PDB file of N, CA and C in Angstrom:
ATOM      1  N   MET A   1      -3.577  -2.717 -26.853  1.00  0.00           N
ATOM      2  CA  MET A   1      -2.439  -1.838 -26.795  1.00  0.00           C
ATOM      3  C   MET A   1      -1.148  -2.668 -26.834  1.00  0.00           C
ATOM      4  N   PRO A   2      -0.870  -3.319 -27.941  1.00  0.00           N
ATOM      5  CA  PRO A   2       0.313  -4.170 -28.041  1.00  0.00           C
ATOM      6  C   PRO A   2       1.621  -3.433 -27.772  1.00  0.00           C
ATOM      7  N   GLU A   3       1.672  -2.145 -28.090  1.00  0.00           N
ATOM      8  CA  GLU A   3       2.903  -1.387 -27.841  1.00  0.00           C
ATOM      9  C   GLU A   3       3.234  -1.299 -26.353  1.00  0.00           C
ATOM     10  N   LEU A   4       2.222  -1.475 -25.489  1.00  0.00           N
ATOM     11  CA  LEU A   4       2.426  -1.504 -24.037  1.00  0.00           C
ATOM     12  C   LEU A   4       2.460  -2.927 -23.487  1.00  0.00           C
ATOM     13  N   GLY A   5       2.257  -3.910 -24.359  1.00  0.00           N
ATOM     14  CA  GLY A   5       2.275  -5.308 -23.934  1.00  0.00           C
ATOM     15  C   GLY A   5       1.000  -5.748 -23.258  1.00  0.00           C
ATOM     16  N   ILE A   6      -0.124  -5.073 -23.571  1.00  0.00           N
ATOM     17  CA  ILE A   6      -1.405  -5.379 -22.935  1.00  0.00           C
ATOM     18  C   ILE A   6      -2.428  -5.723 -24.007  1.00  0.00           C
ATOM     19  N   GLY A   7      -3.102  -6.861 -23.841  1.00  0.00           N
ATOM     20  CA  GLY A   7      -4.161  -7.259 -24.746  1.00  0.00           C
ATOM     21  C   GLY A   7      -5.520  -6.935 -24.155  1.00  0.00           C
ATOM     22  N   SER A   8      -6.583  -7.321 -24.853  1.00  0.00           N
ATOM     23  CA  SER A   8      -7.936  -7.031 -24.381  1.00  0.00           C
ATOM     24  C   SER A   8      -8.370  -8.019 -23.311  1.00  0.00           C
ATOM     25  N   GLY A   9      -9.344  -7.621 -22.508  1.00  0.00           N
ATOM     26  CA  GLY A   9      -9.906  -8.490 -21.475  1.00  0.00           C
ATOM     27  C   GLY A   9      -9.042  -8.571 -20.232  1.00  0.00           C
ATOM     28  N   LEU A  10      -9.301  -9.608 -19.423  1.00  0.00           N
ATOM     29  CA  LEU A  10      -8.509  -9.848 -18.222  1.00  0.00           C
ATOM     30  C   LEU A  10      -7.093 -10.183 -18.675  1.00  0.00           C
ATOM     31  N   TYR A  11      -6.111  -9.411 -18.227  1.00  0.00           N
ATOM     32  CA  TYR A  11      -4.778  -9.601 -18.764  1.00  0.00           C
ATOM     33  C   TYR A  11      -3.740 -10.068 -17.756  1.00  0.00           C
ATOM     34  N   ASP A  12      -3.962  -9.901 -16.463  1.00  0.00           N
ATOM     35  CA  ASP A  12      -2.916 -10.220 -15.500  1.00  0.00           C
ATOM     36  C   ASP A  12      -3.530 -10.544 -14.147  1.00  0.00           C
ATOM     37  N   VAL A  13      -3.004 -11.592 -13.495  1.00  0.00           N
ATOM     38  CA  VAL A  13      -3.433 -11.954 -12.150  1.00  0.00           C
ATOM     39  C   VAL A  13      -2.176 -12.248 -11.340  1.00  0.00           C
ATOM     40  N   ALA A  14      -2.148 -11.770 -10.103  1.00  0.00           N
ATOM     41  CA  ALA A  14      -1.010 -12.036  -9.215  1.00  0.00           C
ATOM     42  C   ALA A  14      -1.539 -12.466  -7.853  1.00  0.00           C
ATOM     43  N   ILE A  15      -0.918 -13.503  -7.280  1.00  0.00           N
ATOM     44  CA  ILE A  15      -1.267 -13.988  -5.948  1.00  0.00           C
ATOM     45  C   ILE A  15       0.024 -14.093  -5.156  1.00  0.00           C
ATOM     46  N   GLU A  16      -0.010 -13.609  -3.921  1.00  0.00           N
ATOM     47  CA  GLU A  16       1.184 -13.651  -3.085  1.00  0.00           C
ATOM     48  C   GLU A  16       0.811 -14.100  -1.679  1.00  0.00           C
ATOM     49  N   ALA A  17       1.675 -14.921  -1.096  1.00  0.00           N
ATOM     50  CA  ALA A  17       1.480 -15.361   0.289  1.00  0.00           C
ATOM     51  C   ALA A  17       2.790 -15.133   1.042  1.00  0.00           C
ATOM     52  N   GLN A  18       2.673 -14.639   2.274  1.00  0.00           N
ATOM     53  CA  GLN A  18       3.860 -14.393   3.088  1.00  0.00           C
ATOM     54  C   GLN A  18       3.694 -15.030   4.455  1.00  0.00           C
ATOM     55  N   LEU A  19       4.796 -15.524   4.958  1.00  0.00           N
ATOM     56  CA  LEU A  19       4.854 -16.071   6.301  1.00  0.00           C
ATOM     57  C   LEU A  19       5.877 -15.234   7.061  1.00  0.00           C
ATOM     58  N   ARG A  20       5.447 -14.663   8.175  1.00  0.00           N
ATOM     59  CA  ARG A  20       6.373 -13.826   8.936  1.00  0.00           C
ATOM     60  C   ARG A  20       6.306 -14.184  10.406  1.00  0.00           C
ATOM     61  N   TYR A  21       7.380 -13.839  11.102  1.00  0.00           N
ATOM     62  CA  TYR A  21       7.442 -14.099  12.531  1.00  0.00           C
ATOM     63  C   TYR A  21       7.913 -12.833  13.220  1.00  0.00           C
ATOM     64  N   GLU A  22       7.110 -12.322  14.134  1.00  0.00           N
ATOM     65  CA  GLU A  22       7.462 -11.101  14.857  1.00  0.00           C
ATOM     66  C   GLU A  22       8.260 -11.444  16.102  1.00  0.00           C
ATOM     67  N   PHE A  23       9.579 -11.266  16.029  1.00  0.00           N
ATOM     68  CA  PHE A  23      10.394 -11.402  17.236  1.00  0.00           C
ATOM     69  C   PHE A  23      10.001 -10.290  18.210  1.00  0.00           C
ATOM     70  N   THR A  24       9.941  -9.089  17.682  1.00  0.00           N
ATOM     71  CA  THR A  24       9.360  -7.934  18.365  1.00  0.00           C
ATOM     72  C   THR A  24       8.606  -7.170  17.283  1.00  0.00           C
ATOM     73  N   ARG A  25       7.836  -6.165  17.653  1.00  0.00           N
ATOM     74  CA  ARG A  25       7.112  -5.391  16.632  1.00  0.00           C
ATOM     75  C   ARG A  25       8.065  -4.623  15.731  1.00  0.00           C
ATOM     76  N   LYS A  26       9.303  -4.441  16.164  1.00  0.00           N
ATOM     77  CA  LYS A  26      10.269  -3.678  15.386  1.00  0.00           C
ATOM     78  C   LYS A  26      11.183  -4.552  14.520  1.00  0.00           C
ATOM     79  N   PHE A  27      11.113  -5.867  14.653  1.00  0.00           N
ATOM     80  CA  PHE A  27      11.990  -6.775  13.908  1.00  0.00           C
ATOM     81  C   PHE A  27      11.174  -7.965  13.412  1.00  0.00           C
ATOM     82  N   VAL A  28      10.895  -8.004  12.098  1.00  0.00           N
ATOM     83  CA  VAL A  28      10.009  -9.026  11.537  1.00  0.00           C
ATOM     84  C   VAL A  28      10.596  -9.588  10.233  1.00  0.00           C
ATOM     85  N   PRO A  29      11.247 -10.756  10.262  1.00  0.00           N
ATOM     86  CA  PRO A  29      11.664 -11.401   9.010  1.00  0.00           C
ATOM     87  C   PRO A  29      10.472 -12.115   8.359  1.00  0.00           C
ATOM     88  N   TYR A  30      10.528 -12.260   7.033  1.00  0.00           N
ATOM     89  CA  TYR A  30       9.434 -12.948   6.347  1.00  0.00           C
ATOM     90  C   TYR A  30       9.938 -13.705   5.121  1.00  0.00           C
ATOM     91  N   LEU A  31       9.189 -14.732   4.735  1.00  0.00           N
ATOM     92  CA  LEU A  31       9.379 -15.511   3.522  1.00  0.00           C
ATOM     93  C   LEU A  31       8.060 -15.533   2.770  1.00  0.00           C
ATOM     94  N   GLY A  32       8.142 -15.576   1.470  1.00  0.00           N
ATOM     95  CA  GLY A  32       6.904 -15.591   0.716  1.00  0.00           C
ATOM     96  C   GLY A  32       7.089 -16.195  -0.659  1.00  0.00           C
ATOM     97  N   VAL A  33       5.975 -16.435  -1.319  1.00  0.00           N
ATOM     98  CA  VAL A  33       5.964 -16.916  -2.692  1.00  0.00           C
ATOM     99  C   VAL A  33       4.942 -16.081  -3.458  1.00  0.00           C
ATOM    100  N   SER A  34       5.291 -15.747  -4.682  1.00  0.00           N
ATOM    101  CA  SER A  34       4.422 -14.923  -5.514  1.00  0.00           C
ATOM    102  C   SER A  34       4.225 -15.629  -6.847  1.00  0.00           C
ATOM    103  N   TRP A  35       2.981 -15.667  -7.331  1.00  0.00           N
ATOM    104  CA  TRP A  35       2.655 -16.282  -8.615  1.00  0.00           C
ATOM    105  C   TRP A  35       1.938 -15.255  -9.459  1.00  0.00           C
ATOM    106  N   GLN A  36       2.379 -15.097 -10.702  1.00  0.00           N
ATOM    107  CA  GLN A  36       1.765 -14.136 -11.607  1.00  0.00           C
ATOM    108  C   GLN A  36       1.544 -14.804 -12.951  1.00  0.00           C
ATOM    109  N   ALA A  37       0.400 -14.532 -13.583  1.00  0.00           N
ATOM    110  CA  ALA A  37       0.072 -15.128 -14.872  1.00  0.00           C
ATOM    111  C   ALA A  37      -0.595 -14.102 -15.769  1.00  0.00           C
ATOM    112  N   SER A  38      -0.311 -14.199 -17.058  1.00  0.00           N
ATOM    113  CA  SER A  38      -0.965 -13.376 -18.070  1.00  0.00           C
ATOM    114  C   SER A  38      -1.949 -14.260 -18.827  1.00  0.00           C
ATOM    115  N   PHE A  39      -3.033 -13.660 -19.316  1.00  0.00           N
ATOM    116  CA  PHE A  39      -4.085 -14.410 -19.995  1.00  0.00           C
ATOM    117  C   PHE A  39      -4.434 -13.783 -21.335  1.00  0.00           C
ATOM    118  N   GLY A  40      -5.070 -14.561 -22.180  1.00  0.00           N
ATOM    119  CA  GLY A  40      -5.629 -14.073 -23.440  1.00  0.00           C
ATOM    120  C   GLY A  40      -4.599 -13.464 -24.365  1.00  0.00           C
ATOM    121  N   ASP A  41      -4.978 -12.323 -24.951  1.00  0.00           N
ATOM    122  CA  ASP A  41      -4.100 -11.649 -25.906  1.00  0.00           C
ATOM    123  C   ASP A  41      -2.800 -11.192 -25.258  1.00  0.00           C
ATOM    124  N   THR A  42      -2.848 -10.818 -23.997  1.00  0.00           N
ATOM    125  CA  THR A  42      -1.640 -10.381 -23.299  1.00  0.00           C
ATOM    126  C   THR A  42      -0.642 -11.531 -23.202  1.00  0.00           C
ATOM    127  N   ALA A  43      -1.103 -12.736 -22.898  1.00  0.00           N
ATOM    128  CA  ALA A  43      -0.210 -13.895 -22.844  1.00  0.00           C
ATOM    129  C   ALA A  43       0.419 -14.142 -24.213  1.00  0.00           C
ATOM    130  N   ASP A  44      -0.347 -13.976 -25.279  1.00  0.00           N
ATOM    131  CA  ASP A  44       0.190 -14.139 -26.629  1.00  0.00           C
ATOM    132  C   ASP A  44       1.281 -13.110 -26.913  1.00  0.00           C
ATOM    133  N   ILE A  45       1.051 -11.871 -26.498  1.00  0.00           N
ATOM    134  CA  ILE A  45       2.041 -10.807 -26.703  1.00  0.00           C
ATOM    135  C   ILE A  45       3.313 -11.098 -25.922  1.00  0.00           C
ATOM    136  N   VAL A  46       3.176 -11.551 -24.680  1.00  0.00           N
ATOM    137  CA  VAL A  46       4.339 -11.865 -23.846  1.00  0.00           C
ATOM    138  C   VAL A  46       5.136 -13.010 -24.455  1.00  0.00           C
ATOM    139  N   ARG A  47       4.458 -14.068 -24.890  1.00  0.00           N
ATOM    140  CA  ARG A  47       5.146 -15.214 -25.494  1.00  0.00           C
ATOM    141  C   ARG A  47       5.828 -14.828 -26.807  1.00  0.00           C
ATOM    142  N   ALA A  48       5.172 -13.984 -27.612  1.00  0.00           N
ATOM    143  CA  ALA A  48       5.767 -13.548 -28.881  1.00  0.00           C
ATOM    144  C   ALA A  48       7.031 -12.722 -28.650  1.00  0.00           C
ATOM    145  N   ALA A  49       7.100 -12.022 -27.528  1.00  0.00           N
ATOM    146  CA  ALA A  49       8.285 -11.226 -27.191  1.00  0.00           C
ATOM    147  C   ALA A  49       9.370 -12.078 -26.536  1.00  0.00           C
ATOM    148  N   GLY A  50       9.118 -13.390 -26.400  1.00  0.00           N
ATOM    149  CA  GLY A  50      10.109 -14.281 -25.823  1.00  0.00           C
ATOM    150  C   GLY A  50      10.015 -14.432 -24.316  1.00  0.00           C
ATOM    151  N   GLY A  51       8.957 -13.932 -23.722  1.00  0.00           N
ATOM    152  CA  GLY A  51       8.771 -14.029 -22.273  1.00  0.00           C
ATOM    153  C   GLY A  51       7.957 -15.246 -21.873  1.00  0.00           C
ATOM    154  N   ASP A  52       7.774 -15.402 -20.588  1.00  0.00           N
ATOM    155  CA  ASP A  52       6.985 -16.505 -20.037  1.00  0.00           C
ATOM    156  C   ASP A  52       5.685 -15.923 -19.490  1.00  0.00           C
ATOM    157  N   ASP A  53       4.555 -16.520 -19.839  1.00  0.00           N
ATOM    158  CA  ASP A  53       3.266 -15.981 -19.399  1.00  0.00           C
ATOM    159  C   ASP A  53       2.899 -16.396 -17.980  1.00  0.00           C
ATOM    160  N   ARG A  54       3.701 -17.234 -17.343  1.00  0.00           N
ATOM    161  CA  ARG A  54       3.507 -17.624 -15.939  1.00  0.00           C
ATOM    162  C   ARG A  54       4.839 -17.449 -15.220  1.00  0.00           C
ATOM    163  N   GLU A  55       4.790 -16.928 -14.009  1.00  0.00           N
ATOM    164  CA  GLU A  55       6.019 -16.682 -13.271  1.00  0.00           C
ATOM    165  C   GLU A  55       5.795 -16.918 -11.786  1.00  0.00           C
ATOM    166  N   THR A  56       6.692 -17.662 -11.161  1.00  0.00           N
ATOM    167  CA  THR A  56       6.660 -17.899  -9.720  1.00  0.00           C
ATOM    168  C   THR A  56       7.980 -17.400  -9.140  1.00  0.00           C
ATOM    169  N   THR A  57       7.895 -16.594  -8.086  1.00  0.00           N
ATOM    170  CA  THR A  57       9.098 -16.073  -7.448  1.00  0.00           C
ATOM    171  C   THR A  57       9.031 -16.315  -5.945  1.00  0.00           C
ATOM    172  N   ILE A  58      10.197 -16.464  -5.353  1.00  0.00           N
ATOM    173  CA  ILE A  58      10.308 -16.602  -3.903  1.00  0.00           C
ATOM    174  C   ILE A  58      10.828 -15.279  -3.353  1.00  0.00           C
ATOM    175  N   VAL A  59      10.216 -14.832  -2.268  1.00  0.00           N
ATOM    176  CA  VAL A  59      10.536 -13.538  -1.686  1.00  0.00           C
ATOM    177  C   VAL A  59      11.009 -13.752  -0.259  1.00  0.00           C
ATOM    178  N   ALA A  60      12.072 -13.051   0.128  1.00  0.00           N
ATOM    179  CA  ALA A  60      12.547 -13.072   1.513  1.00  0.00           C
ATOM    180  C   ALA A  60      12.877 -11.636   1.892  1.00  0.00           C
ATOM    181  N   GLY A  61      12.593 -11.289   3.120  1.00  0.00           N
ATOM    182  CA  GLY A  61      12.857  -9.909   3.512  1.00  0.00           C
ATOM    183  C   GLY A  61      12.873  -9.733   5.027  1.00  0.00           C
ATOM    184  N   LEU A  62      13.134  -8.516   5.398  1.00  0.00           N
ATOM    185  CA  LEU A  62      13.204  -8.143   6.795  1.00  0.00           C
ATOM    186  C   LEU A  62      12.561  -6.775   6.956  1.00  0.00           C
ATOM    187  N   ARG A  63      11.585  -6.711   7.836  1.00  0.00           N
ATOM    188  CA  ARG A  63      10.942  -5.430   8.148  1.00  0.00           C
ATOM    189  C   ARG A  63      11.411  -5.000   9.519  1.00  0.00           C
ATOM    190  N   PHE A  64      11.872  -3.774   9.626  1.00  0.00           N
ATOM    191  CA  PHE A  64      12.294  -3.274  10.928  1.00  0.00           C
ATOM    192  C   PHE A  64      11.999  -1.793  11.060  1.00  0.00           C
ATOM    193  N   TRP A  65      11.827  -1.372  12.282  1.00  0.00           N
ATOM    194  CA  TRP A  65      11.566   0.028  12.614  1.00  0.00           C
ATOM    195  C   TRP A  65      12.730   0.550  13.420  1.00  0.00           C
ATOM    196  N   PHE A  66      12.953   1.843  13.329  1.00  0.00           N
ATOM    197  CA  PHE A  66      13.996   2.489  14.156  1.00  0.00           C
ATOM    198  C   PHE A  66      13.392   3.070  15.391  1.00  0.00           C
TER     199      PHE A  66
END
């Protein structure tokens, strides 16, 4: 399905890890890293469109309850 940017077979894998610290159950900051990769025909489609078939991102956030 090239029009959707998806090739045949295993096309995408994502791995994410987060480190968080609970000051209290209602206030939790976190840091993380996420890695995503495309494979096979999907990677070819992504590269042909000018994209990168591997991507690493850093995530930071805050979880809180009212």
